[in-house]
Amino acid sequence: MSADQSTEGQVESTDEEHTDGPADCAVSEFDDGLVDLLAWILDTETRARIYVFLRQNPYSTSEEVAEGTGLYPSTVREALAELTDDETVERRKRKSSGAGNNPYEYVAIVPSELVKGVTSQVQSQLNAVFNLDRRLGTDGSDETDPVTITVREE
């Protein structure tokens, strides 16, 4: 069989198309729109992928997150530090019975808390748009804040 025949029926993937297996698993269960929304809320797709992974695998170490998402360990450590600073992820030392290094383990906040964190920003932006004519001086009425976003937990 020639080299041309041996690849017949196979699809070659480029770097843009290829992902690292486990990363697809963490994100594939969500539609692209939800991942895009999480990326908008969390600033990057990397942070969104980490958030999803930690919701599925709470109390994971940075090494486990890197392995599970297919992201570089240094990228994961940097993103986890940012997510911890933003209080989107909580961290604690993993307890182990043996002597030695006890790595940090991470857990993502619940989605309702994530949503609460962005509502005031979204509400403010929507009110700015609503009051655009007033700000431009083409409407003489007083500025109001008619948009109110309330997050209810069920």
Protein backbone atom coordinates (compact mmCIF):
# COMPACT_ATOMS: atom_id res chain seq x y z
CA MET A 1 0.00 0.00 0.00
CA SER A 2 1.42 3.42 -0.92
CA ALA A 3 1.63 6.38 1.45
CA ASP A 4 -1.20 8.05 -0.47
CA GLN A 5 -3.43 5.02 -0.03
CA SER A 6 -2.68 4.62 3.69
CA THR A 7 -4.05 8.07 4.51
CA GLU A 8 -7.11 7.72 2.33
CA GLY A 9 -10.24 8.45 4.32
CA GLN A 10 -8.33 10.07 7.16
CA VAL A 11 -8.68 13.72 7.99
CA GLU A 12 -5.58 15.66 8.86
CA SER A 13 -5.99 18.25 11.57
CA THR A 14 -4.20 21.54 11.75
CA ASP A 15 -3.07 23.22 14.96
CA GLU A 16 -6.16 25.43 14.84
CA GLU A 17 -8.46 22.42 14.70
CA HIS A 18 -6.62 20.19 17.14
CA THR A 19 -7.30 20.25 20.85
CA ASP A 20 -5.77 18.16 23.55
CA GLY A 21 -8.47 15.59 24.29
CA PRO A 22 -9.43 16.25 27.92
CA ALA A 23 -9.93 19.94 27.17
CA ASP A 24 -12.66 18.99 24.74
CA CYS A 25 -14.32 16.82 27.39
CA ALA A 26 -14.60 19.67 29.89
CA VAL A 27 -16.05 22.09 27.38
CA SER A 28 -17.85 19.82 24.91
CA GLU A 29 -20.74 19.20 27.28
CA PHE A 30 -21.64 22.88 27.00
CA ASP A 31 -22.75 24.56 23.83
CA ASP A 32 -20.46 27.13 22.28
CA GLY A 33 -22.79 29.98 23.25
CA LEU A 34 -22.47 29.17 26.94
CA VAL A 35 -18.70 28.90 26.72
CA ASP A 36 -18.61 32.26 24.89
CA LEU A 37 -20.78 33.78 27.60
CA LEU A 38 -18.53 32.41 30.33
CA ALA A 39 -15.50 33.74 28.44
CA TRP A 40 -17.17 37.16 28.33
CA ILE A 41 -17.91 37.07 32.06
CA LEU A 42 -14.48 35.70 32.99
CA ASP A 43 -12.51 37.72 30.40
CA THR A 44 -10.91 34.82 28.49
CA GLU A 45 -11.73 31.39 27.12
CA THR A 46 -8.86 29.97 29.17
CA ARG A 47 -10.44 31.19 32.40
CA ALA A 48 -13.84 29.89 31.22
CA ARG A 49 -12.39 26.43 30.51
CA ILE A 50 -10.75 26.35 33.94
CA TYR A 51 -14.00 27.46 35.60
CA VAL A 52 -15.98 24.70 33.83
CA PHE A 53 -13.35 22.10 34.72
CA LEU A 54 -13.41 23.12 38.39
CA ARG A 55 -17.21 23.00 38.49
CA GLN A 56 -16.94 19.41 37.22
CA ASN A 57 -13.87 18.53 39.32
CA PRO A 58 -13.86 20.56 42.55
CA TYR A 59 -10.75 20.62 44.73
CA SER A 60 -8.34 19.96 41.88
CA THR A 61 -4.71 21.04 41.91
CA SER A 62 -3.27 23.27 39.20
CA GLU A 63 -1.53 20.20 37.78
CA GLU A 64 -4.84 18.32 37.60
CA VAL A 65 -6.51 21.32 35.97
CA ALA A 66 -3.74 21.55 33.37
CA GLU A 67 -3.99 17.85 32.62
CA GLY A 68 -7.79 17.92 32.47
CA THR A 69 -8.07 20.99 30.26
CA GLY A 70 -5.07 20.44 28.02
CA LEU A 71 -3.72 23.90 28.90
CA TYR A 72 -0.08 24.60 29.69
CA PRO A 73 0.66 24.33 33.43
CA SER A 74 2.10 27.87 33.52
CA THR A 75 -1.05 29.22 31.83
CA VAL A 76 -3.23 27.41 34.36
CA ARG A 77 -1.21 28.68 37.34
CA GLU A 78 -1.43 32.27 36.10
CA ALA A 79 -5.17 32.04 35.38
CA LEU A 80 -5.86 30.38 38.75
CA ALA A 81 -4.01 33.20 40.52
CA GLU A 82 -6.18 35.75 38.68
CA LEU A 83 -9.38 33.81 39.34
CA THR A 84 -8.43 33.54 43.02
CA ASP A 85 -7.74 37.29 43.21
CA ASP A 86 -11.15 37.92 41.56
CA GLU A 87 -12.75 35.57 44.13
CA THR A 88 -14.12 33.39 41.32
CA VAL A 89 -12.08 30.45 42.60
CA GLU A 90 -11.23 29.55 46.18
CA ARG A 91 -8.03 27.79 47.11
CA ARG A 92 -6.85 25.83 50.11
CA LYS A 93 -3.92 23.59 50.95
CA ARG A 94 -4.56 19.94 50.18
CA LYS A 95 -4.19 17.83 53.27
CA SER A 96 -2.03 14.76 52.95
CA SER A 97 -0.91 12.22 55.49
CA GLY A 98 2.70 12.15 54.39
CA ALA A 99 5.46 14.66 54.79
CA GLY A 100 6.29 16.92 51.90
CA ASN A 101 4.64 19.42 49.67
CA ASN A 102 0.91 19.93 50.11
CA PRO A 103 -0.24 21.64 46.91
CA TYR A 104 -3.11 24.06 46.68
CA GLU A 105 -6.44 22.74 45.49
CA TYR A 106 -9.08 24.89 43.84
CA VAL A 107 -12.85 25.03 43.69
CA ALA A 108 -14.94 27.40 41.55
CA ILE A 109 -17.74 29.47 43.08
CA VAL A 110 -21.30 28.48 42.24
CA PRO A 111 -22.71 29.96 39.00
CA SER A 112 -25.26 32.11 40.87
CA GLU A 113 -22.42 33.88 42.70
CA LEU A 114 -20.60 34.35 39.40
CA VAL A 115 -23.70 35.98 37.90
CA LYS A 116 -24.20 38.24 40.93
CA GLY A 117 -20.66 39.49 40.46
CA VAL A 118 -21.36 40.90 37.00
CA THR A 119 -24.95 42.14 37.35
CA SER A 120 -24.12 45.61 38.67
CA GLN A 121 -21.69 46.20 35.80
CA VAL A 122 -24.22 45.03 33.19
CA GLN A 123 -27.01 47.02 34.85
CA SER A 124 -24.89 50.19 34.79
CA GLN A 125 -23.99 49.71 31.11
CA LEU A 126 -27.62 49.10 30.13
CA ASN A 127 -28.72 52.24 31.96
CA ALA A 128 -26.02 54.26 30.20
CA VAL A 129 -27.40 53.09 26.84
CA PHE A 130 -30.98 53.75 27.93
CA ASN A 131 -30.02 57.33 28.91
CA LEU A 132 -27.90 57.99 25.81
CA ASP A 133 -30.18 60.72 24.40
CA ARG A 134 -30.20 62.50 27.73
CA ARG A 135 -26.41 62.38 27.93
CA LEU A 136 -26.12 63.69 24.38
CA GLY A 137 -28.44 66.56 25.23
CA THR A 138 -31.13 65.60 22.70
CA ASP A 139 -33.67 64.82 25.41
CA GLY A 140 -34.42 67.34 28.15
CA SER A 141 -35.73 64.92 30.76
CA ASP A 142 -33.83 63.87 33.87
CA GLU A 143 -31.53 60.87 33.78
CA THR A 144 -33.01 57.76 35.36
CA ASP A 145 -31.92 54.20 35.97
CA PRO A 146 -34.85 52.16 34.66
CA VAL A 147 -32.95 48.89 34.33
CA THR A 148 -32.67 46.79 37.48
CA ILE A 149 -31.26 43.28 37.41
CA THR A 150 -32.13 40.95 40.24
CA VAL A 151 -30.56 37.53 40.68
CA ARG A 152 -32.73 35.01 42.50
CA GLU A 153 -31.54 31.63 43.63
CA GLU A 154 -34.08 28.87 43.35
